[in-house]
Protein backbone atom coordinates (compact mmCIF):
# COMPACT_ATOMS: atom_id res chain seq x y z
CA MET A 1 86.41 126.68 106.95
CA ASN A 2 84.30 123.27 106.74
CA GLU A 3 83.54 123.08 110.42
CA ALA A 4 81.50 119.47 109.70
CA PHE A 5 85.19 117.90 108.50
CA GLU A 6 87.05 119.82 111.70
CA SER A 7 85.33 117.93 114.13
CA TYR A 8 85.63 114.85 111.99
CA TYR A 9 88.79 114.25 112.40
CA ALA A 10 90.06 116.68 115.40
CA ALA A 11 87.61 113.58 117.22
CA LEU A 12 89.91 110.87 115.39
CA TYR A 13 93.27 112.79 116.07
CA GLY A 14 92.49 115.59 119.43
CA ASP A 15 94.94 118.06 120.02
CA ARG A 16 97.27 115.89 117.25
CA TRP A 17 95.01 117.74 114.38
CA GLU A 18 95.97 121.25 113.99
CA GLY A 19 99.69 120.22 113.62
CA LEU A 20 98.53 117.55 111.43
CA ARG A 21 95.82 119.60 109.53
CA LYS A 22 99.00 121.77 108.85
CA SER A 23 101.41 119.19 106.96
CA LEU A 24 98.70 118.47 105.43
CA LEU A 25 98.75 121.62 103.44
CA ALA A 26 102.67 122.46 103.66
CA ASP A 27 103.97 121.96 100.26
CA ARG A 28 106.47 117.85 100.34
CA PRO A 29 108.47 117.24 97.83
CA ALA A 30 107.89 114.38 95.76
CA TYR A 31 110.04 111.46 95.78
CA ALA A 32 111.76 110.50 92.61
CA PHE A 33 111.85 106.79 91.73
CA SER A 34 114.14 105.24 89.06
CA GLU A 35 114.45 102.16 89.33
CA GLY A 36 114.32 100.12 85.89
CA LEU A 37 112.46 102.83 84.37
CA CYS A 38 113.21 105.04 81.16
CA ARG A 39 113.20 108.33 83.46
CA PRO A 40 112.37 108.99 86.68
CA TYR A 41 108.52 109.25 88.00
CA PHE A 42 107.84 111.69 90.63
CA LEU A 43 105.50 110.48 93.34
CA ASP A 44 105.49 110.03 97.39
CA TYR A 45 107.65 107.72 98.79
CA ALA A 46 104.23 106.63 100.76
CA SER A 47 103.06 105.25 97.37
CA VAL A 48 106.79 103.91 96.72
CA LEU A 49 106.54 101.67 100.02
CA ALA A 50 102.40 100.91 100.11
CA ALA A 51 104.32 99.01 96.19
CA ARG A 52 106.94 97.08 97.93
CA CYS A 53 105.08 95.64 100.02
CA LEU A 54 103.39 92.87 98.06
CA ARG A 55 105.18 89.98 98.15
CA LEU A 56 105.55 88.95 94.68
CA PRO A 57 105.79 84.85 93.89
CA ALA A 58 109.10 83.67 93.32
CA PRO A 59 110.95 83.06 90.16
CA ASP A 60 110.77 79.32 89.48
CA GLY A 61 109.83 79.25 84.93
CA GLN A 62 105.94 79.23 85.91
CA ALA A 63 103.71 81.93 84.41
CA PHE A 64 101.88 83.96 86.62
CA THR A 65 99.78 87.88 86.87
CA VAL A 66 99.86 90.01 88.99
CA LEU A 67 96.60 92.62 89.61
CA ASP A 68 97.02 96.18 90.31
CA ALA A 69 93.64 96.65 91.20
CA CYS A 70 93.12 100.84 90.88
CA ALA A 71 96.29 101.05 88.95
CA ALA A 72 95.52 104.64 87.40
CA PRO A 73 97.58 107.30 87.56
CA GLY A 74 100.90 104.44 87.13
CA GLY A 75 102.90 105.14 89.77
CA LYS A 76 102.67 101.91 91.78
CA SER A 77 102.66 99.82 88.61
CA LEU A 78 105.55 101.51 87.41
CA VAL A 79 107.37 100.76 91.36
CA ILE A 80 105.39 96.59 90.33
CA ALA A 81 106.61 96.44 86.84
CA PRO A 82 110.76 96.48 87.26
CA ALA A 83 110.57 94.14 89.96
CA LEU A 84 108.98 91.55 87.80
CA SER A 85 110.80 88.24 87.04
CA ALA A 86 110.68 87.67 83.49
CA GLU A 87 107.63 84.80 83.01
CA ALA A 88 104.98 86.96 85.50
CA ARG A 89 102.58 89.20 83.72
CA LEU A 90 101.08 92.65 85.52
CA LEU A 91 97.49 93.72 84.52
CA ALA A 92 97.13 97.27 86.10
CA ASN A 93 93.57 97.41 86.20
CA GLU A 94 91.60 101.65 85.70
CA PHE A 95 87.39 101.50 86.06
CA SER A 96 87.56 105.13 84.45
CA ALA A 97 88.70 105.26 80.65
CA GLY A 98 89.77 108.80 80.98
CA ARG A 99 92.48 107.60 84.25
CA ARG A 100 92.50 104.53 81.70
CA ARG A 101 94.40 106.84 79.53
CA ARG A 102 96.72 108.32 81.81
CA LEU A 103 97.89 104.72 82.65
CA SER A 104 98.16 103.75 79.37
CA GLU A 105 100.43 107.16 78.87
CA VAL A 106 102.28 106.68 82.57
CA LEU A 107 103.55 103.35 81.89
CA ASP A 108 104.41 103.47 78.42
CA LYS A 109 106.25 106.83 78.92
CA TYR A 110 108.68 105.52 81.74
CA LEU A 111 108.91 101.87 81.58
CA PRO A 112 111.92 100.38 78.88
CA PRO A 113 109.94 98.12 76.19
CA GLU A 114 110.89 94.73 77.51
CA LYS A 115 108.69 95.72 80.27
CA ARG A 116 106.17 97.20 78.84
CA GLU A 117 105.45 93.63 77.07
CA GLN A 118 104.82 92.36 80.45
CA VAL A 119 102.15 95.34 81.37
CA ARG A 120 98.61 95.22 80.09
CA VAL A 121 95.98 98.03 81.00
CA SER A 122 92.15 96.77 81.73
CA GLY A 123 89.38 98.27 82.30
CA PHE A 124 87.12 96.52 84.22
CA ASP A 125 84.86 97.31 87.29
CA ALA A 126 87.27 95.64 89.87
CA ALA A 127 84.85 95.64 92.72
CA ALA A 128 82.30 93.79 90.85
CA GLN A 129 84.60 90.94 89.39
CA GLY A 130 84.56 88.52 92.49
CA SER A 131 81.42 87.81 91.57
CA ARG A 132 82.65 86.42 88.57
CA LYS A 133 83.27 82.89 89.58
CA SER A 134 85.78 82.30 86.22
CA GLU A 135 87.76 84.68 87.67
CA HIS A 136 88.25 83.10 91.36
CA GLY A 137 92.00 82.64 92.38
CA ARG A 138 93.51 84.16 88.96
CA PHE A 139 96.12 86.51 90.92
CA ALA A 140 99.24 85.15 92.75
CA ALA A 141 99.71 88.51 94.15
CA ILE A 142 96.73 91.65 94.47
CA LEU A 143 97.82 95.05 94.70
CA LEU A 144 94.19 97.38 95.58
CA ASP A 145 95.15 101.51 96.37
CA ALA A 146 91.52 102.21 97.03
CA PRO A 147 89.84 105.50 96.62
CA CYS A 148 89.04 107.36 99.44
CA SER A 149 88.61 110.40 101.11
CA SER A 150 91.94 111.50 99.87
CA GLU A 151 91.84 114.31 103.04
CA ALA A 152 95.31 115.99 101.77
CA HIS A 153 93.47 117.51 98.48
CA VAL A 154 90.77 118.40 99.97
CA LEU A 155 91.77 120.07 101.93
CA LYS A 156 93.46 122.14 99.42
CA ASP A 157 90.42 122.49 96.88
CA GLU A 158 87.91 125.29 98.29
CA HIS A 159 84.44 123.59 96.64
CA ALA A 160 85.49 120.03 97.99
CA LEU A 161 86.60 120.93 101.49
CA SER A 162 83.00 122.78 101.22
CA ALA A 163 80.72 119.95 100.04
CA TRP A 164 81.83 117.18 102.47
CA THR A 165 80.44 116.45 105.06
CA ALA A 166 80.57 112.75 107.22
CA SER A 167 78.60 110.65 104.58
CA ARG A 168 81.53 110.81 102.42
CA PRO A 169 83.70 108.35 104.41
CA ARG A 170 81.07 105.88 105.67
CA PHE A 171 80.07 106.33 100.98
CA LEU A 172 83.68 105.60 100.51
CA ALA A 173 84.17 102.30 102.59
CA ARG A 174 81.15 101.01 101.05
CA ARG A 175 82.97 101.02 97.91
CA GLN A 176 86.20 99.70 99.39
CA TRP A 177 84.83 96.54 101.14
CA ALA A 178 83.17 96.37 97.38
CA LEU A 179 87.12 96.33 95.94
CA LEU A 180 88.72 94.23 99.10
CA SER A 181 86.46 91.89 99.46
CA SER A 182 86.14 91.52 95.41
CA ALA A 183 89.78 91.30 95.17
CA PHE A 184 89.81 88.75 98.26
CA LEU A 185 88.23 86.77 95.63
CA LEU A 186 90.56 86.78 92.54
CA LEU A 187 93.72 85.80 95.15
CA LYS A 188 95.20 82.27 94.01
CA ALA A 189 95.81 80.62 97.51
CA GLY A 190 98.96 81.49 99.15
CA GLY A 191 98.78 84.76 97.38
CA SER A 192 99.67 88.17 98.90
CA LEU A 193 97.12 90.71 99.15
CA VAL A 194 97.97 94.78 99.68
CA TYR A 195 95.36 97.19 100.89
CA ALA A 196 96.53 100.62 100.91
CA THR A 197 94.48 103.73 101.34
CA CYS A 198 95.98 107.57 101.25
CA ALA A 199 93.00 108.22 103.71
CA LEU A 200 92.86 109.89 107.33
CA SER A 201 90.05 108.24 108.23
CA THR A 202 90.00 104.63 110.81
CA GLU A 203 86.41 103.58 109.02
CA GLU A 204 88.03 103.75 105.06
CA ASN A 205 90.93 101.44 107.09
CA ASP A 206 91.25 99.36 110.18
CA GLY A 207 87.46 99.94 109.34
CA VAL A 208 87.07 98.00 105.97
CA VAL A 209 89.92 95.53 106.98
CA ARG A 210 87.53 94.45 109.78
CA ARG A 211 85.58 93.13 107.76
CA LEU A 212 87.50 91.25 106.03
CA PHE A 213 88.35 88.64 108.64
CA GLU A 214 84.75 88.62 109.82
CA LYS A 215 83.60 87.43 106.70
CA TYR A 216 86.94 85.33 105.46
CA GLY A 217 88.32 84.33 108.34
CA ASP A 218 90.23 81.35 108.83
CA LEU A 219 91.77 82.35 105.02
CA VAL A 220 92.68 85.18 105.64
CA VAL A 221 96.41 85.36 107.53
CA LEU A 222 97.55 89.32 108.79
CA ASP A 223 101.15 89.87 106.95
CA ALA A 224 102.11 93.15 108.42
CA PRO A 225 103.52 95.28 106.55
CA GLU A 226 107.93 95.39 107.48
CA PHE A 227 108.52 99.36 106.31
CA SER A 228 109.63 101.14 109.41
CA GLU A 229 107.94 104.54 108.49
CA GLY A 230 104.61 105.42 110.34
CA GLU A 231 103.28 103.77 113.01
CA LYS A 232 101.11 100.85 113.95
CA THR A 233 97.23 100.26 113.19
CA LEU A 234 95.12 97.29 114.86
CA PHE A 235 95.85 95.52 110.90
CA GLY A 236 98.95 97.60 109.46
CA ARG A 237 100.95 100.67 109.00
CA ILE A 238 99.39 104.42 108.99
CA ILE A 239 101.86 106.67 107.73
CA LEU A 240 101.63 110.46 108.51
CA PRO A 241 103.52 113.38 107.42
CA ASP A 242 103.23 115.56 110.51
CA ASN A 243 106.02 112.50 111.95
CA SER A 244 107.29 110.59 108.66
CA GLY A 245 109.49 113.50 107.71
CA GLY A 246 106.61 114.60 105.02
CA ILE A 247 106.13 111.77 103.36
CA GLY A 248 102.15 110.02 103.44
CA PRO A 249 99.64 110.31 104.04
CA MET A 250 99.42 105.94 103.13
CA TYR A 251 97.36 103.45 105.27
CA VAL A 252 98.92 100.01 104.33
CA ALA A 253 97.60 96.67 105.15
CA ARG A 254 98.62 93.14 103.59
CA PHE A 255 97.60 89.67 104.06
CA ARG A 256 98.06 86.01 102.77
CA LYS A 257 94.94 83.95 101.58
CA THR A 258 95.57 80.28 102.84
CA PRO A 259 93.37 77.63 102.35
CA GLU A 260 93.67 75.57 105.11
CA ASN A 261 91.61 76.68 108.65
CA ARG A 262 93.59 78.45 110.26
CA GLY A 263 91.12 79.52 112.54
CA ASN A 264 90.50 83.69 112.67
CA ASP A 265 93.64 84.34 114.63
CA TYR A 266 94.75 88.28 113.77
CA LYS A 267 94.59 89.62 116.91
CA ASN A 268 97.53 87.23 118.06
CA LYS A 269 99.60 88.13 114.95
CA ASN A 270 99.63 91.83 115.42
């Protein structure tokens, strides 16, 4: 047992931590997602909810592109792709070459040919892409499922657990902020942005989102997720397996970008 890990999450969750910890360690059945696919793809149902949360533009004959910014292994791209209208394209991006190969294999295996033609795989650093002004406003909708602490995996990996320190959430939160800030710049005015993690830490969830409002306040409108699973947080919802039938963890926050001066009114939209 890593006492620093236990102390950190016990401080966050209090008396709830023991039960939450047990639920994270328990075997949980995966959801067989099959809508619009060649065959079922098994994933956590909370991931399906996060991907479905992304608002796609209404089909009007105009071409547009959707970005799955950190797409591997591909489950959320498989949820988004069948929902695309004929004129839409999905850019499934993954910076890691090895994970990108796996992403391509998943898309090839599970998407019907006509849908696979609507999806392209790319490998840019999504955290740095926002520095390219030519890319600003390129995407009509963006899903950012950011790399995170993934405590459920850490608990099941003795080496990862023994190596964990309290600096890990802080380090990841810095990377997540770089990704989220960049994604907001890449988003078209009026577009939908979903930020998701499978982290338990507030530092990696609401803490990162808070910085978006602090930096871009009058351009950000909070668009609360519509699903009922999980529990409300300051900026979104978090699905935890101890009180959501074993699904999760999954934190989801959703925003809309506007060019209008709407004021930093997120507190009133909570």
